PDB file of N, CA and C in Angstrom:
ATOM      1  N   UNK A   1      44.677  28.095   0.969  1.00  0.00           N
ATOM      2  CA  UNK A   1      45.465  27.285   0.068  1.00  0.00           C
ATOM      3  C   UNK A   1      46.584  28.154  -0.502  1.00  0.00           C
ATOM      4  N   UNK A   2      47.784  27.646  -0.511  1.00  0.00           N
ATOM      5  CA  UNK A   2      48.917  28.431  -0.996  1.00  0.00           C
ATOM      6  C   UNK A   2      48.869  28.578  -2.513  1.00  0.00           C
ATOM      7  N   UNK A   3      49.539  29.613  -3.015  1.00  0.00           N
ATOM      8  CA  UNK A   3      49.586  29.837  -4.460  1.00  0.00           C
ATOM      9  C   UNK A   3      50.275  28.682  -5.172  1.00  0.00           C
ATOM     10  N   UNK A   4      51.289  28.108  -4.539  1.00  0.00           N
ATOM     11  CA  UNK A   4      51.981  26.967  -5.139  1.00  0.00           C
ATOM     12  C   UNK A   4      51.061  25.776  -5.305  1.00  0.00           C
ATOM     13  N   UNK A   5      50.258  25.515  -4.289  1.00  0.00           N
ATOM     14  CA  UNK A   5      49.313  24.402  -4.364  1.00  0.00           C
ATOM     15  C   UNK A   5      48.256  24.680  -5.425  1.00  0.00           C
ATOM     16  N   UNK A   6      47.793  25.916  -5.515  1.00  0.00           N
ATOM     17  CA  UNK A   6      46.811  26.269  -6.543  1.00  0.00           C
ATOM     18  C   UNK A   6      47.373  26.051  -7.940  1.00  0.00           C
ATOM     19  N   UNK A   7      48.605  26.457  -8.164  1.00  0.00           N
ATOM     20  CA  UNK A   7      49.243  26.269  -9.471  1.00  0.00           C
ATOM     21  C   UNK A   7      49.394  24.786  -9.781  1.00  0.00           C
ATOM     22  N   UNK A   8      49.741  24.001  -8.776  1.00  0.00           N
ATOM     23  CA  UNK A   8      49.907  22.569  -8.968  1.00  0.00           C
ATOM     24  C   UNK A   8      48.583  21.914  -9.330  1.00  0.00           C
ATOM     25  N   UNK A   9      47.534  22.237  -8.585  1.00  0.00           N
ATOM     26  CA  UNK A   9      46.226  21.641  -8.863  1.00  0.00           C
ATOM     27  C   UNK A   9      45.693  22.083 -10.218  1.00  0.00           C
ATOM     28  N   UNK A  10      45.934  23.331 -10.589  1.00  0.00           N
ATOM     29  CA  UNK A  10      45.522  23.823 -11.907  1.00  0.00           C
ATOM     30  C   UNK A  10      46.261  23.052 -12.997  1.00  0.00           C
ATOM     31  N   UNK A  11      47.541  22.814 -12.803  1.00  0.00           N
ATOM     32  CA  UNK A  11      48.326  22.064 -13.788  1.00  0.00           C
ATOM     33  C   UNK A  11      47.823  20.633 -13.908  1.00  0.00           C
ATOM     34  N   UNK A  12      47.464  20.033 -12.788  1.00  0.00           N
ATOM     35  CA  UNK A  12      46.990  18.649 -12.788  1.00  0.00           C
ATOM     36  C   UNK A  12      45.582  18.501 -13.358  1.00  0.00           C
ATOM     37  N   UNK A  13      44.852  19.594 -13.463  1.00  0.00           N
ATOM     38  CA  UNK A  13      43.466  19.532 -13.939  1.00  0.00           C
ATOM     39  C   UNK A  13      43.368  19.185 -15.423  1.00  0.00           C
ATOM     40  N   UNK A  14      44.415  19.382 -16.176  1.00  0.00           N
ATOM     41  CA  UNK A  14      44.373  19.160 -17.621  1.00  0.00           C
ATOM     42  C   UNK A  14      44.775  17.720 -17.958  1.00  0.00           C
ATOM     43  N   UNK A  15      43.965  16.995 -18.741  1.00  0.00           N
ATOM     44  CA  UNK A  15      44.280  15.597 -19.053  1.00  0.00           C
ATOM     45  C   UNK A  15      45.566  15.420 -19.857  1.00  0.00           C
ATOM     46  N   UNK A  16      45.893  16.348 -20.735  1.00  0.00           N
ATOM     47  CA  UNK A  16      47.142  16.231 -21.495  1.00  0.00           C
ATOM     48  C   UNK A  16      48.337  16.351 -20.562  1.00  0.00           C
ATOM     49  N   UNK A  17      48.277  17.283 -19.618  1.00  0.00           N
ATOM     50  CA  UNK A  17      49.394  17.427 -18.672  1.00  0.00           C
ATOM     51  C   UNK A  17      49.517  16.203 -17.780  1.00  0.00           C
ATOM     52  N   UNK A  18      48.390  15.619 -17.381  1.00  0.00           N
ATOM     53  CA  UNK A  18      48.463  14.386 -16.588  1.00  0.00           C
ATOM     54  C   UNK A  18      49.098  13.262 -17.403  1.00  0.00           C
ATOM     55  N   UNK A  19      48.789  13.199 -18.682  1.00  0.00           N
ATOM     56  CA  UNK A  19      49.377  12.174 -19.539  1.00  0.00           C
ATOM     57  C   UNK A  19      50.879  12.402 -19.715  1.00  0.00           C
ATOM     58  N   UNK A  20      51.302  13.655 -19.806  1.00  0.00           N
ATOM     59  CA  UNK A  20      52.734  13.959 -19.872  1.00  0.00           C
ATOM     60  C   UNK A  20      53.420  13.475 -18.597  1.00  0.00           C
ATOM     61  N   UNK A  21      52.804  13.716 -17.449  1.00  0.00           N
ATOM     62  CA  UNK A  21      53.378  13.241 -16.187  1.00  0.00           C
ATOM     63  C   UNK A  21      53.478  11.719 -16.176  1.00  0.00           C
ATOM     64  N   UNK A  22      52.447  11.039 -16.686  1.00  0.00           N
ATOM     65  CA  UNK A  22      52.497   9.573 -16.764  1.00  0.00           C
ATOM     66  C   UNK A  22      53.642   9.117 -17.642  1.00  0.00           C
ATOM     67  N   UNK A  23      53.862   9.803 -18.745  1.00  0.00           N
ATOM     68  CA  UNK A  23      54.964   9.473 -19.636  1.00  0.00           C
ATOM     69  C   UNK A  23      56.301   9.631 -18.921  1.00  0.00           C
ATOM     70  N   UNK A  24      56.428  10.700 -18.145  1.00  0.00           N
ATOM     71  CA  UNK A  24      57.695  10.978 -17.460  1.00  0.00           C
ATOM     72  C   UNK A  24      57.945  10.068 -16.267  1.00  0.00           C
ATOM     73  N   UNK A  25      56.941   9.300 -15.859  1.00  0.00           N
ATOM     74  CA  UNK A  25      57.170   8.307 -14.793  1.00  0.00           C
ATOM     75  C   UNK A  25      58.257   7.325 -15.194  1.00  0.00           C
ATOM     76  N   UNK A  26      58.362   7.077 -16.491  1.00  0.00           N
ATOM     77  CA  UNK A  26      59.347   6.124 -16.988  1.00  0.00           C
ATOM     78  C   UNK A  26      60.739   6.696 -17.130  1.00  0.00           C
ATOM     79  N   UNK A  27      60.918   7.960 -16.840  1.00  0.00           N
ATOM     80  CA  UNK A  27      62.231   8.589 -16.944  1.00  0.00           C
ATOM     81  C   UNK A  27      62.176   9.845 -17.793  1.00  0.00           C
ATOM     82  N   UNK A  28      63.310  10.488 -17.910  1.00  0.00           N
ATOM     83  CA  UNK A  28      63.404  11.760 -18.627  1.00  0.00           C
ATOM     84  C   UNK A  28      63.165  11.557 -20.117  1.00  0.00           C
ATOM     85  N   UNK A  29      62.510  12.545 -20.722  1.00  0.00           N
ATOM     86  CA  UNK A  29      62.256  12.555 -22.162  1.00  0.00           C
ATOM     87  C   UNK A  29      62.568  13.953 -22.687  1.00  0.00           C
ATOM     88  N   UNK A  30      63.006  13.993 -23.937  1.00  0.00           N
ATOM     89  CA  UNK A  30      63.216  15.297 -24.575  1.00  0.00           C
ATOM     90  C   UNK A  30      61.859  15.875 -24.973  1.00  0.00           C
ATOM     91  N   UNK A  31      61.843  17.170 -25.229  1.00  0.00           N
ATOM     92  CA  UNK A  31      60.610  17.824 -25.656  1.00  0.00           C
ATOM     93  C   UNK A  31      60.091  17.185 -26.945  1.00  0.00           C
ATOM     94  N   UNK A  32      60.988  16.861 -27.848  1.00  0.00           N
ATOM     95  CA  UNK A  32      60.588  16.216 -29.104  1.00  0.00           C
ATOM     96  C   UNK A  32      59.967  14.851 -28.885  1.00  0.00           C
ATOM     97  N   UNK A  33      60.551  14.063 -27.978  1.00  0.00           N
ATOM     98  CA  UNK A  33      59.994  12.740 -27.671  1.00  0.00           C
ATOM     99  C   UNK A  33      58.600  12.866 -27.066  1.00  0.00           C
ATOM    100  N   UNK A  34      58.415  13.863 -26.235  1.00  0.00           N
ATOM    101  CA  UNK A  34      57.099  14.090 -25.628  1.00  0.00           C
ATOM    102  C   UNK A  34      56.105  14.501 -26.715  1.00  0.00           C
ATOM    103  N   UNK A  35      56.501  15.434 -27.568  1.00  0.00           N
ATOM    104  CA  UNK A  35      55.608  15.942 -28.611  1.00  0.00           C
ATOM    105  C   UNK A  35      55.161  14.838 -29.568  1.00  0.00           C
ATOM    106  N   UNK A  36      56.034  13.862 -29.829  1.00  0.00           N
ATOM    107  CA  UNK A  36      55.693  12.758 -30.731  1.00  0.00           C
ATOM    108  C   UNK A  36      54.505  11.940 -30.223  1.00  0.00           C
ATOM    109  N   UNK A  37      54.270  11.966 -28.931  1.00  0.00           N
ATOM    110  CA  UNK A  37      53.224  11.136 -28.322  1.00  0.00           C
ATOM    111  C   UNK A  37      51.834  11.759 -28.359  1.00  0.00           C
ATOM    112  N   UNK A  38      51.735  13.021 -28.778  1.00  0.00           N
ATOM    113  CA  UNK A  38      50.466  13.736 -28.681  1.00  0.00           C
ATOM    114  C   UNK A  38      50.054  14.317 -30.032  1.00  0.00           C
ATOM    115  N   UNK A  39      48.758  14.240 -30.337  1.00  0.00           N
ATOM    116  CA  UNK A  39      48.263  14.764 -31.620  1.00  0.00           C
ATOM    117  C   UNK A  39      47.961  16.269 -31.560  1.00  0.00           C
ATOM    118  N   UNK A  40      48.878  17.015 -30.967  1.00  0.00           N
ATOM    119  CA  UNK A  40      48.724  18.464 -30.850  1.00  0.00           C
ATOM    120  C   UNK A  40      50.014  19.113 -31.350  1.00  0.00           C
ATOM    121  N   UNK A  41      49.967  20.401 -31.569  1.00  0.00           N
ATOM    122  CA  UNK A  41      51.137  21.102 -32.102  1.00  0.00           C
ATOM    123  C   UNK A  41      52.292  21.113 -31.101  1.00  0.00           C
ATOM    124  N   UNK A  42      53.478  21.293 -31.628  1.00  0.00           N
ATOM    125  CA  UNK A  42      54.646  21.416 -30.764  1.00  0.00           C
ATOM    126  C   UNK A  42      54.527  22.604 -29.822  1.00  0.00           C
ATOM    127  N   UNK A  43      53.910  23.674 -30.314  1.00  0.00           N
ATOM    128  CA  UNK A  43      53.709  24.860 -29.469  1.00  0.00           C
ATOM    129  C   UNK A  43      52.781  24.540 -28.298  1.00  0.00           C
ATOM    130  N   UNK A  44      51.752  23.724 -28.542  1.00  0.00           N
ATOM    131  CA  UNK A  44      50.829  23.349 -27.462  1.00  0.00           C
ATOM    132  C   UNK A  44      51.543  22.478 -26.438  1.00  0.00           C
ATOM    133  N   UNK A  45      52.369  21.550 -26.900  1.00  0.00           N
ATOM    134  CA  UNK A  45      53.141  20.714 -25.968  1.00  0.00           C
ATOM    135  C   UNK A  45      54.074  21.591 -25.153  1.00  0.00           C
ATOM    136  N   UNK A  46      54.721  22.542 -25.813  1.00  0.00           N
ATOM    137  CA  UNK A  46      55.621  23.458 -25.117  1.00  0.00           C
ATOM    138  C   UNK A  46      54.887  24.228 -24.027  1.00  0.00           C
ATOM    139  N   UNK A  47      53.676  24.668 -24.318  1.00  0.00           N
ATOM    140  CA  UNK A  47      52.883  25.397 -23.314  1.00  0.00           C
ATOM    141  C   UNK A  47      52.540  24.485 -22.138  1.00  0.00           C
ATOM    142  N   UNK A  48      52.152  23.242 -22.423  1.00  0.00           N
ATOM    143  CA  UNK A  48      51.852  22.301 -21.339  1.00  0.00           C
ATOM    144  C   UNK A  48      53.090  22.067 -20.466  1.00  0.00           C
ATOM    145  N   UNK A  49      54.250  21.917 -21.097  1.00  0.00           N
ATOM    146  CA  UNK A  49      55.487  21.715 -20.344  1.00  0.00           C
ATOM    147  C   UNK A  49      55.803  22.941 -19.488  1.00  0.00           C
ATOM    148  N   UNK A  50      55.543  24.114 -20.024  1.00  0.00           N
ATOM    149  CA  UNK A  50      55.772  25.345 -19.278  1.00  0.00           C
ATOM    150  C   UNK A  50      54.882  25.418 -18.038  1.00  0.00           C
ATOM    151  N   UNK A  51      53.608  25.060 -18.191  1.00  0.00           N
ATOM    152  CA  UNK A  51      52.688  25.073 -17.049  1.00  0.00           C
ATOM    153  C   UNK A  51      53.142  24.067 -15.993  1.00  0.00           C
ATOM    154  N   UNK A  52      53.546  22.882 -16.419  1.00  0.00           N
ATOM    155  CA  UNK A  52      54.027  21.867 -15.472  1.00  0.00           C
ATOM    156  C   UNK A  52      55.298  22.325 -14.763  1.00  0.00           C
ATOM    157  N   UNK A  53      56.173  22.986 -15.499  1.00  0.00           N
ATOM    158  CA  UNK A  53      57.421  23.480 -14.905  1.00  0.00           C
ATOM    159  C   UNK A  53      57.137  24.605 -13.912  1.00  0.00           C
ATOM    160  N   UNK A  54      56.229  25.527 -14.268  1.00  0.00           N
ATOM    161  CA  UNK A  54      55.870  26.623 -13.369  1.00  0.00           C
ATOM    162  C   UNK A  54      55.229  26.105 -12.080  1.00  0.00           C
ATOM    163  N   UNK A  55      54.520  24.977 -12.177  1.00  0.00           N
ATOM    164  CA  UNK A  55      53.901  24.363 -11.000  1.00  0.00           C
ATOM    165  C   UNK A  55      54.911  23.495 -10.246  1.00  0.00           C
ATOM    166  N   UNK A  56      56.136  23.426 -10.740  1.00  0.00           N
ATOM    167  CA  UNK A  56      57.225  22.664 -10.135  1.00  0.00           C
ATOM    168  C   UNK A  56      56.967  21.160 -10.148  1.00  0.00           C
ATOM    169  N   UNK A  57      56.124  20.703 -11.081  1.00  0.00           N
ATOM    170  CA  UNK A  57      55.848  19.272 -11.199  1.00  0.00           C
ATOM    171  C   UNK A  57      56.901  18.559 -12.024  1.00  0.00           C
ATOM    172  N   UNK A  58      57.604  19.306 -12.868  1.00  0.00           N
ATOM    173  CA  UNK A  58      58.680  18.729 -13.665  1.00  0.00           C
ATOM    174  C   UNK A  58      59.901  19.636 -13.587  1.00  0.00           C
ATOM    175  N   UNK A  59      61.027  19.042 -13.906  1.00  0.00           N
ATOM    176  CA  UNK A  59      62.291  19.782 -14.000  1.00  0.00           C
ATOM    177  C   UNK A  59      62.817  19.611 -15.405  1.00  0.00           C
ATOM    178  N   UNK A  60      63.608  20.561 -15.843  1.00  0.00           N
ATOM    179  CA  UNK A  60      64.226  20.427 -17.157  1.00  0.00           C
ATOM    180  C   UNK A  60      65.731  20.608 -17.034  1.00  0.00           C
ATOM    181  N   UNK A  61      66.429  19.975 -17.977  1.00  0.00           N
ATOM    182  CA  UNK A  61      67.883  20.135 -18.045  1.00  0.00           C
ATOM    183  C   UNK A  61      68.282  20.124 -19.509  1.00  0.00           C
ATOM    184  N   UNK A  62      69.230  20.965 -19.819  1.00  0.00           N
ATOM    185  CA  UNK A  62      69.699  21.073 -21.203  1.00  0.00           C
ATOM    186  C   UNK A  62      70.904  20.146 -21.384  1.00  0.00           C
ATOM    187  N   UNK A  63      70.886  19.437 -22.515  1.00  0.00           N
ATOM    188  CA  UNK A  63      72.006  18.584 -22.901  1.00  0.00           C
ATOM    189  C   UNK A  63      72.273  18.866 -24.376  1.00  0.00           C
ATOM    190  N   UNK A  64      73.244  19.730 -24.628  1.00  0.00           N
ATOM    191  CA  UNK A  64      73.497  20.160 -25.998  1.00  0.00           C
ATOM    192  C   UNK A  64      72.327  20.988 -26.498  1.00  0.00           C
ATOM    193  N   UNK A  65      71.780  20.591 -27.633  1.00  0.00           N
ATOM    194  CA  UNK A  65      70.645  21.339 -28.183  1.00  0.00           C
ATOM    195  C   UNK A  65      69.294  20.791 -27.723  1.00  0.00           C
ATOM    196  N   UNK A  66      69.304  19.779 -26.873  1.00  0.00           N
ATOM    197  CA  UNK A  66      68.067  19.175 -26.400  1.00  0.00           C
ATOM    198  C   UNK A  66      67.762  19.585 -24.963  1.00  0.00           C
ATOM    199  N   UNK A  67      66.475  19.656 -24.651  1.00  0.00           N
ATOM    200  CA  UNK A  67      66.020  19.879 -23.281  1.00  0.00           C
ATOM    201  C   UNK A  67      65.286  18.622 -22.850  1.00  0.00           C
ATOM    202  N   UNK A  68      65.686  18.078 -21.721  1.00  0.00           N
ATOM    203  CA  UNK A  68      65.052  16.873 -21.178  1.00  0.00           C
ATOM    204  C   UNK A  68      64.218  17.244 -19.963  1.00  0.00           C
ATOM    205  N   UNK A  69      63.061  16.598 -19.863  1.00  0.00           N
ATOM    206  CA  UNK A  69      62.135  16.852 -18.771  1.00  0.00           C
ATOM    207  C   UNK A  69      61.996  15.601 -17.935  1.00  0.00           C
ATOM    208  N   UNK A  70      61.883  15.794 -16.608  1.00  0.00           N
ATOM    209  CA  UNK A  70      61.682  14.671 -15.690  1.00  0.00           C
ATOM    210  C   UNK A  70      60.758  15.103 -14.564  1.00  0.00           C
ATOM    211  N   UNK A  71      60.153  14.115 -13.916  1.00  0.00           N
ATOM    212  CA  UNK A  71      59.242  14.396 -12.808  1.00  0.00           C
ATOM    213  C   UNK A  71      59.976  15.001 -11.626  1.00  0.00           C
ATOM    214  N   UNK A  72      59.295  15.862 -10.916  1.00  0.00           N
ATOM    215  CA  UNK A  72      59.757  16.352  -9.619  1.00  0.00           C
ATOM    216  C   UNK A  72      58.883  15.648  -8.588  1.00  0.00           C
ATOM    217  N   UNK A  73      59.322  14.472  -8.172  1.00  0.00           N
ATOM    218  CA  UNK A  73      58.496  13.616  -7.317  1.00  0.00           C
ATOM    219  C   UNK A  73      58.191  14.254  -5.962  1.00  0.00           C
ATOM    220  N   UNK A  74      59.050  15.127  -5.463  1.00  0.00           N
ATOM    221  CA  UNK A  74      58.816  15.694  -4.136  1.00  0.00           C
ATOM    222  C   UNK A  74      57.530  16.516  -4.103  1.00  0.00           C
ATOM    223  N   UNK A  75      57.227  17.244  -5.168  1.00  0.00           N
ATOM    224  CA  UNK A  75      55.990  18.024  -5.207  1.00  0.00           C
ATOM    225  C   UNK A  75      54.782  17.094  -5.261  1.00  0.00           C
ATOM    226  N   UNK A  76      54.884  16.033  -6.032  1.00  0.00           N
ATOM    227  CA  UNK A  76      53.783  15.072  -6.105  1.00  0.00           C
ATOM    228  C   UNK A  76      53.549  14.402  -4.746  1.00  0.00           C
ATOM    229  N   UNK A  77      54.613  14.117  -4.027  1.00  0.00           N
ATOM    230  CA  UNK A  77      54.471  13.532  -2.689  1.00  0.00           C
ATOM    231  C   UNK A  77      53.766  14.499  -1.744  1.00  0.00           C
ATOM    232  N   UNK A  78      54.094  15.784  -1.833  1.00  0.00           N
ATOM    233  CA  UNK A  78      53.425  16.786  -0.989  1.00  0.00           C
ATOM    234  C   UNK A  78      51.931  16.837  -1.282  1.00  0.00           C
ATOM    235  N   UNK A  79      51.564  16.774  -2.558  1.00  0.00           N
ATOM    236  CA  UNK A  79      50.151  16.793  -2.945  1.00  0.00           C
ATOM    237  C   UNK A  79      49.441  15.553  -2.399  1.00  0.00           C
ATOM    238  N   UNK A  80      50.081  14.403  -2.511  1.00  0.00           N
ATOM    239  CA  UNK A  80      49.459  13.167  -2.010  1.00  0.00           C
ATOM    240  C   UNK A  80      49.255  13.233  -0.501  1.00  0.00           C
ATOM    241  N   UNK A  81      50.209  13.781   0.211  1.00  0.00           N
ATOM    242  CA  UNK A  81      50.058  13.929   1.663  1.00  0.00           C
ATOM    243  C   UNK A  81      48.928  14.888   2.003  1.00  0.00           C
ATOM    244  N   UNK A  82      48.816  15.976   1.257  1.00  0.00           N
ATOM    245  CA  UNK A  82      47.752  16.944   1.488  1.00  0.00           C
ATOM    246  C   UNK A  82      46.389  16.295   1.253  1.00  0.00           C
ATOM    247  N   UNK A  83      46.265  15.533   0.165  1.00  0.00           N
ATOM    248  CA  UNK A  83      44.996  14.866  -0.134  1.00  0.00           C
ATOM    249  C   UNK A  83      44.675  13.829   0.942  1.00  0.00           C
ATOM    250  N   UNK A  84      45.683  13.109   1.395  1.00  0.00           N
ATOM    251  CA  UNK A  84      45.472  12.115   2.457  1.00  0.00           C
ATOM    252  C   UNK A  84      44.973  12.792   3.727  1.00  0.00           C
ATOM    253  N   UNK A  85      45.542  13.952   4.058  1.00  0.00           N
ATOM    254  CA  UNK A  85      45.123  14.692   5.246  1.00  0.00           C
ATOM    255  C   UNK A  85      43.676  15.147   5.153  1.00  0.00           C
ATOM    256  N   UNK A  86      43.160  15.348   3.949  1.00  0.00           N
ATOM    257  CA  UNK A  86      41.772  15.746   3.787  1.00  0.00           C
ATOM    258  C   UNK A  86      40.829  14.673   4.313  1.00  0.00           C
ATOM    259  N   UNK A  87      41.285  13.428   4.250  1.00  0.00           N
ATOM    260  CA  UNK A  87      40.467  12.312   4.719  1.00  0.00           C
ATOM    261  C   UNK A  87      40.319  12.263   6.225  1.00  0.00           C
ATOM    262  N   UNK A  88      41.112  13.025   6.924  1.00  0.00           N
ATOM    263  CA  UNK A  88      41.039  13.037   8.398  1.00  0.00           C
ATOM    264  C   UNK A  88      41.639  11.817   9.027  1.00  0.00           C
ATOM    265  N   UNK A  89      41.245  11.571  10.242  1.00  0.00           N
ATOM    266  CA  UNK A  89      41.788  10.444  11.022  1.00  0.00           C
ATOM    267  C   UNK A  89      40.758   9.331  11.136  1.00  0.00           C
ATOM    268  N   UNK A  90      40.425   8.736  10.014  1.00  0.00           N
ATOM    269  CA  UNK A  90      39.462   7.632  10.042  1.00  0.00           C
ATOM    270  C   UNK A  90      40.102   6.415  10.672  1.00  0.00           C
ATOM    271  N   UNK A  91      39.286   5.657  11.407  1.00  0.00           N
ATOM    272  CA  UNK A  91      39.802   4.458  12.071  1.00  0.00           C
ATOM    273  C   UNK A  91      39.178   3.228  11.508  1.00  0.00           C
TER     274      UNK A  91
END
């Protein structure tokens, strides 16, 4: 298993990070908008965003003083294909 895949699966293992990904399905959100949705500290949200970014599951872009986060769908598609391949060639 590649290191990239390991980082991705590790990032997906956390329920808060999965919920952040679900939130970002609807489009880009600022770090503040994301933090408002969770009963955890801003520092904890920042750490979750960092783990997701390091796993290449999200991208960020700066707009003035705000940072916006959005899904990186291509990595998620690769994971889905890998999981599908685990099922083999069932008929």
